[in-house]
């Protein structure tokens, strides 16, 4: 199951979003609150960690744009573009493993009831930062702490006011990299159990395989050094079978080359889609399909 405690890789992704927002004139996505939520002290700590451990004779911009920024920027852009159309009518949104996500505070659509789901420790830290910044929590936002070792996400969401009869936009980002297929499928099953017909699910996942460029292996090496070993990825057929068996139909699939064309074309800098990362959205249509 998803157990997205505060992690170094999550902090590196948050740093990448803040860095991109601060310095890039041509933005793939613009998380303009990422720096504020991190705070200057933690931002500088992460920057120093990158400089001390990774950049060597290269500059920090090259390193962040090559290894850390492409994945979170592409998935944030994909999610928010899809949500814009989906939320033309009132709906719910569930952000699984919300971490340092700032969408709840950048969103101006009051018709979306947002549930941020995360480990209690991570959520406690985030709320401390929100209080320190004196941000007002929007009335349509619910924080749902879930210890996945002992609690079910569905139970905690319903306690927080989630309505299983309302169509819902679910996101589960940056999680599949560290899960085996059976564990990830169980995560999808819990989402299916909560889904009303017409609900939408979006996630990113690494493709299983070999022969990818050096940076793919190097990123996996970095995360393992940080204590977060990647699981090796899935095939598209693995993912599509799991979704179909749970009542989902894939409506958009962006393999790496399509991610590149959609979000990184004609940039002329180091920012390019990761060669093994896909984006996918699926609609919930019915109950489980048993083969």
Foldseek 3Di string as FASTA:
>chain_A
DDAQADFLLLLLLLLLQCVQQPPPPDALDHPVCSDLLCDPVNSVVNVVVCVVPPQVPHDPVLVSQQAHHQQSSLQVSVQVVVVVVVPPDQFEEEEASCQSPDCQVVDPDLSYQYEYEHAPNSVVSSVVSCVVVVPDRDPSYHYFHDDPVPDQPVVRVVVRPQDLQTAYEYEDEPGQQQDDLVVVLVVVLSVLVSHHFFHKYKYKWFAADDDFDPSVVVSQVVCVVRVRHTDRTYHPVSVCVSQQQAQKDWDDKAQQVNSQVVRPPPPPGSHGGGNGMMMTMIGHHDGGDDD
